[in-house]
C-alpha atoms as a PDB file:
ATOM      1  CA  MET A   1       0.000   0.000   0.000  1.00  0.00           C
ATOM      2  CA  ALA A   2       1.235   3.491  -0.737  1.00  0.00           C
ATOM      3  CA  GLN A   3       2.528   5.668   2.045  1.00  0.00           C
ATOM      4  CA  ARG A   4       0.158   8.417   3.005  1.00  0.00           C
ATOM      5  CA  MET A   5       0.955  11.976   3.944  1.00  0.00           C
ATOM      6  CA  THR A   6      -1.539  13.645   6.233  1.00  0.00           C
ATOM      7  CA  SER A   7      -2.660  17.180   5.691  1.00  0.00           C
ATOM      8  CA  ARG A   8      -4.514  19.213   8.287  1.00  0.00           C
ATOM      9  CA  SER A   9      -6.729  20.844   5.702  1.00  0.00           C
ATOM     10  CA  GLY A  10      -7.679  17.868   3.531  1.00  0.00           C
ATOM     11  CA  PRO A  11      -7.787  14.144   3.069  1.00  0.00           C
ATOM     12  CA  GLU A  12      -4.674  11.994   3.184  1.00  0.00           C
ATOM     13  CA  ARG A  13      -2.592  12.190   0.021  1.00  0.00           C
ATOM     14  CA  PRO A  14      -0.375   9.360  -1.191  1.00  0.00           C
ATOM     15  CA  ASN A  15       3.346   9.983  -1.377  1.00  0.00           C
ATOM     16  CA  PRO A  16       4.074  10.930  -5.028  1.00  0.00           C
ATOM     17  CA  ALA A  17       7.489   9.217  -4.955  1.00  0.00           C
ATOM     18  CA  VAL A  18       5.933   5.933  -3.848  1.00  0.00           C
ATOM     19  CA  ILE A  19       3.217   6.257  -6.486  1.00  0.00           C
ATOM     20  CA  GLY A  20       5.846   6.953  -9.165  1.00  0.00           C
ATOM     21  CA  LEU A  21       7.955   3.965  -8.153  1.00  0.00           C
ATOM     22  CA  ALA A  22       4.899   1.704  -8.080  1.00  0.00           C
ATOM     23  CA  ALA A  23       3.844   2.974 -11.520  1.00  0.00           C
ATOM     24  CA  TRP A  24       7.295   2.153 -12.875  1.00  0.00           C
ATOM     25  CA  ALA A  25       7.453  -1.285 -11.240  1.00  0.00           C
ATOM     26  CA  ILE A  26       4.082  -2.353 -12.648  1.00  0.00           C
ATOM     27  CA  PRO A  27       2.491  -0.199 -15.341  1.00  0.00           C
ATOM     28  CA  GLY A  28      -0.873   1.126 -14.134  1.00  0.00           C
ATOM     29  CA  LEU A  29      -0.206   0.362 -10.454  1.00  0.00           C
ATOM     30  CA  GLY A  30       0.165   4.049  -9.581  1.00  0.00           C
ATOM     31  CA  HIS A  31      -3.340   4.790 -10.842  1.00  0.00           C
ATOM     32  CA  TRP A  32      -4.641   1.623  -9.138  1.00  0.00           C
ATOM     33  CA  LEU A  33      -3.227   2.812  -5.785  1.00  0.00           C
ATOM     34  CA  LEU A  34      -4.813   6.218  -6.333  1.00  0.00           C
ATOM     35  CA  GLY A  35      -8.204   4.531  -6.627  1.00  0.00           C
ATOM     36  CA  HIS A  36      -8.521   4.739 -10.408  1.00  0.00           C
ATOM     37  CA  ARG A  37      -8.896   0.969 -10.773  1.00  0.00           C
ATOM     38  CA  ALA A  38     -10.334   0.789 -14.303  1.00  0.00           C
ATOM     39  CA  ARG A  39      -7.776   3.279 -15.613  1.00  0.00           C
ATOM     40  CA  GLY A  40      -4.972   1.301 -13.965  1.00  0.00           C
ATOM     41  CA  VAL A  41      -6.109  -1.956 -15.560  1.00  0.00           C
ATOM     42  CA  ILE A  42      -6.462  -0.353 -19.003  1.00  0.00           C
ATOM     43  CA  LEU A  43      -3.007   1.205 -18.750  1.00  0.00           C
ATOM     44  CA  PHE A  44      -1.484  -2.079 -17.576  1.00  0.00           C
ATOM     45  CA  VAL A  45      -3.004  -4.086 -20.424  1.00  0.00           C
ATOM     46  CA  THR A  46      -2.105  -1.487 -23.072  1.00  0.00           C
ATOM     47  CA  ILE A  47       1.508  -0.961 -22.027  1.00  0.00           C
ATOM     48  CA  VAL A  48       2.325  -4.592 -21.264  1.00  0.00           C
ATOM     49  CA  ALA A  49       0.653  -5.845 -24.455  1.00  0.00           C
ATOM     50  CA  THR A  50       2.525  -3.288 -26.554  1.00  0.00           C
ATOM     51  CA  TYR A  51       5.866  -4.133 -24.938  1.00  0.00           C
ATOM     52  CA  TRP A  52       5.485  -7.901 -25.170  1.00  0.00           C
ATOM     53  CA  THR A  53       4.214  -7.678 -28.747  1.00  0.00           C
ATOM     54  CA  GLY A  54       7.514  -6.059 -29.620  1.00  0.00           C
ATOM     55  CA  VAL A  55       9.477  -8.698 -27.723  1.00  0.00           C
ATOM     56  CA  PHE A  56       7.598 -11.567 -29.369  1.00  0.00           C
ATOM     57  CA  VAL A  57       7.993 -10.090 -32.851  1.00  0.00           C
ATOM     58  CA  GLY A  58      11.726  -9.411 -32.604  1.00  0.00           C
ATOM     59  CA  GLY A  59      12.865 -11.921 -30.032  1.00  0.00           C
ATOM     60  CA  VAL A  60      14.305 -11.050 -26.645  1.00  0.00           C
ATOM     61  CA  ARG A  61      17.958 -10.942 -27.706  1.00  0.00           C
ATOM     62  CA  TYR A  62      17.283  -8.643 -30.643  1.00  0.00           C
ATOM     63  CA  THR A  63      14.708  -6.377 -28.997  1.00  0.00           C
ATOM     64  CA  VAL A  64      16.294  -5.950 -25.553  1.00  0.00           C
ATOM     65  CA  ASP A  65      19.790  -5.085 -26.739  1.00  0.00           C
ATOM     66  CA  PRO A  66      21.548  -1.974 -25.437  1.00  0.00           C
ATOM     67  CA  SER A  67      24.653  -2.566 -27.540  1.00  0.00           C
ATOM     68  CA  GLY A  68      22.834  -2.180 -30.852  1.00  0.00           C
ATOM     69  CA  ASN A  69      19.976   0.108 -29.871  1.00  0.00           C
ATOM     70  CA  MET A  70      20.986   2.099 -26.769  1.00  0.00           C
ATOM     71  CA  LEU A  71      18.403   4.891 -27.087  1.00  0.00           C
ATOM     72  CA  TRP A  72      15.557   2.452 -27.692  1.00  0.00           C
ATOM     73  CA  PHE A  73      16.774   0.321 -24.778  1.00  0.00           C
ATOM     74  CA  VAL A  74      16.707   3.377 -22.501  1.00  0.00           C
ATOM     75  CA  ALA A  75      13.156   4.067 -23.696  1.00  0.00           C
ATOM     76  CA  GLN A  76      12.218   0.451 -22.944  1.00  0.00           C
ATOM     77  CA  LEU A  77      13.422   0.858 -19.345  1.00  0.00           C
ATOM     78  CA  GLY A  78      10.304   2.957 -18.785  1.00  0.00           C
ATOM     79  CA  VAL A  79       8.276  -0.272 -18.801  1.00  0.00           C
ATOM     80  CA  GLY A  80       9.888  -1.329 -15.538  1.00  0.00           C
ATOM     81  CA  PRO A  81      11.988  -4.074 -14.003  1.00  0.00           C
ATOM     82  CA  GLN A  82      10.804  -6.660 -16.526  1.00  0.00           C
ATOM     83  CA  VAL A  83      13.139  -5.037 -19.074  1.00  0.00           C
ATOM     84  CA  VAL A  84      16.080  -5.306 -16.680  1.00  0.00           C
ATOM     85  CA  ALA A  85      15.211  -8.969 -16.008  1.00  0.00           C
ATOM     86  CA  LEU A  86      15.098  -9.752 -19.742  1.00  0.00           C
ATOM     87  CA  TRP A  87      18.369  -7.948 -20.344  1.00  0.00           C
ATOM     88  CA  LEU A  88      20.081  -9.834 -17.507  1.00  0.00           C
ATOM     89  CA  ALA A  89      18.738 -13.096 -18.924  1.00  0.00           C
ATOM     90  CA  THR A  90      20.313 -12.291 -22.292  1.00  0.00           C
ATOM     91  CA  VAL A  91      23.616 -11.239 -20.706  1.00  0.00           C
ATOM     92  CA  ARG A  92      23.795 -14.493 -18.773  1.00  0.00           C
ATOM     93  CA  GLN A  93      22.778 -16.333 -21.953  1.00  0.00           C
ATOM     94  CA  LEU A  94      19.699 -17.888 -20.359  1.00  0.00           C
ATOM     95  CA  ILE A  95      17.779 -17.077 -23.533  1.00  0.00           C
ATOM     96  CA  PRO A  96      18.939 -18.710 -26.778  1.00  0.00           C
ATOM     97  CA  PRO A  97      20.065 -16.402 -29.571  1.00  0.00           C
ATOM     98  CA  ALA A  98      17.378 -15.251 -31.962  1.00  0.00           C
ATOM     99  CA  VAL A  99      17.764 -14.623 -35.644  1.00  0.00           C
ATOM    100  CA  PRO A 100      15.803 -11.448 -36.434  1.00  0.00           C
ATOM    101  CA  TRP A 101      13.658 -11.370 -39.512  1.00  0.00           C
ATOM    102  CA  PRO A 102      14.233  -8.490 -41.943  1.00  0.00           C
ATOM    103  CA  ASP A 103      11.560  -6.150 -40.568  1.00  0.00           C
ATOM    104  CA  ALA A 104      12.213  -6.863 -36.878  1.00  0.00           C
ATOM    105  CA  ASP A 105      13.185  -3.241 -36.237  1.00  0.00           C
ATOM    106  CA  ILE A 106       9.487  -2.630 -35.676  1.00  0.00           C
ATOM    107  CA  ALA A 107       9.832  -4.808 -32.559  1.00  0.00           C
ATOM    108  CA  ILE A 108      12.347  -2.408 -31.047  1.00  0.00           C
ATOM    109  CA  ILE A 109      10.060   0.509 -31.822  1.00  0.00           C
ATOM    110  CA  TYR A 110       7.045  -1.227 -30.220  1.00  0.00           C
ATOM    111  CA  ALA A 111       9.011  -1.963 -27.054  1.00  0.00           C
ATOM    112  CA  GLY A 112      10.455   1.552 -26.913  1.00  0.00           C
ATOM    113  CA  ILE A 113       7.076   3.207 -27.454  1.00  0.00           C
ATOM    114  CA  ALA A 114       5.646   1.130 -24.606  1.00  0.00           C
ATOM    115  CA  GLY A 115       8.392   2.442 -22.320  1.00  0.00           C
ATOM    116  CA  LEU A 116       7.830   6.038 -23.381  1.00  0.00           C
ATOM    117  CA  LEU A 117       4.093   5.640 -22.911  1.00  0.00           C
ATOM    118  CA  ASN A 118       4.638   4.313 -19.391  1.00  0.00           C
ATOM    119  CA  MET A 119       6.842   7.322 -18.596  1.00  0.00           C
ATOM    120  CA  LEU A 120       3.862   9.550 -19.437  1.00  0.00           C
ATOM    121  CA  VAL A 121       1.625   7.346 -17.282  1.00  0.00           C
ATOM    122  CA  ILE A 122       4.116   7.592 -14.394  1.00  0.00           C
ATOM    123  CA  LEU A 123       4.174  11.384 -14.669  1.00  0.00           C
ATOM    124  CA  ASP A 124       0.370  11.436 -14.732  1.00  0.00           C
ATOM    125  CA  ALA A 125       0.184   9.271 -11.609  1.00  0.00           C
ATOM    126  CA  ILE A 126       2.715  11.478  -9.799  1.00  0.00           C
ATOM    127  CA  GLY A 127       0.770  14.577 -10.831  1.00  0.00           C
ATOM    128  CA  ARG A 128      -2.477  13.076  -9.596  1.00  0.00           C
ATOM    129  CA  ALA A 129      -0.829  12.103  -6.294  1.00  0.00           C
ATOM    130  CA  SER A 130       0.574  15.575  -5.685  1.00  0.00           C
ATOM    131  CA  GLY A 131      -1.907  17.817  -7.482  1.00  0.00           C
ATOM    132  CA  ASP A 132      -5.296  19.323  -6.798  1.00  0.00           C
ATOM    133  CA  GLU A 133      -7.254  16.272  -7.860  1.00  0.00           C
ATOM    134  CA  PRO A 134      -9.413  14.735  -5.124  1.00  0.00           C
ATOM    135  CA  ALA A 135      -7.795  11.731  -3.450  1.00  0.00           C
ATOM    136  CA  ASP A 136     -11.125   9.894  -3.744  1.00  0.00           C
ATOM    137  CA  PRO A 137     -12.345   9.305  -7.320  1.00  0.00           C
ATOM    138  CA  ALA A 138     -15.929   9.140  -6.034  1.00  0.00           C
ATOM    139  CA  ALA A 139     -15.571  12.732  -4.797  1.00  0.00           C
ATOM    140  CA  GLU A 140     -14.468  13.701  -8.284  1.00  0.00           C
ATOM    141  CA  GLN A 141     -17.681  12.255  -9.759  1.00  0.00           C
ATOM    142  CA  LYS A 142     -19.841  14.103  -7.217  1.00  0.00           C
ATOM    143  CA  SER A 143     -18.212  17.439  -8.071  1.00  0.00           C
ATOM    144  CA  LEU A 144     -19.156  17.090 -11.750  1.00  0.00           C
END
């Protein structure tokens, strides 16, 4: 559960740093912890499906490769620790080498876009945790 900061004038607010770390660790978890359950699930499915589509198309060794595609690898790190785990598995040669097909560069782009998308989602979750938005989504609906 996210740490809470108490405020004398309003409801408890989650710690934005904890929300940001949770959103990086598991895409959509920051929104889930903020009470936006449906949004969190949609973000999780979208980001994870986009990332793993890229990995399945290009193969782990070709897609998660900082030596050949450093900028795209850095972008992929936005998806979370799963990228680090895949990279370590390739470094330790736990995953057999893959022969990329001619158009496999699209796989790197898919995986990188998923990471960049999650960075936007992380920033949104941090903004929601520290901004003027009500801590309770039900309160937000009542104010409309």
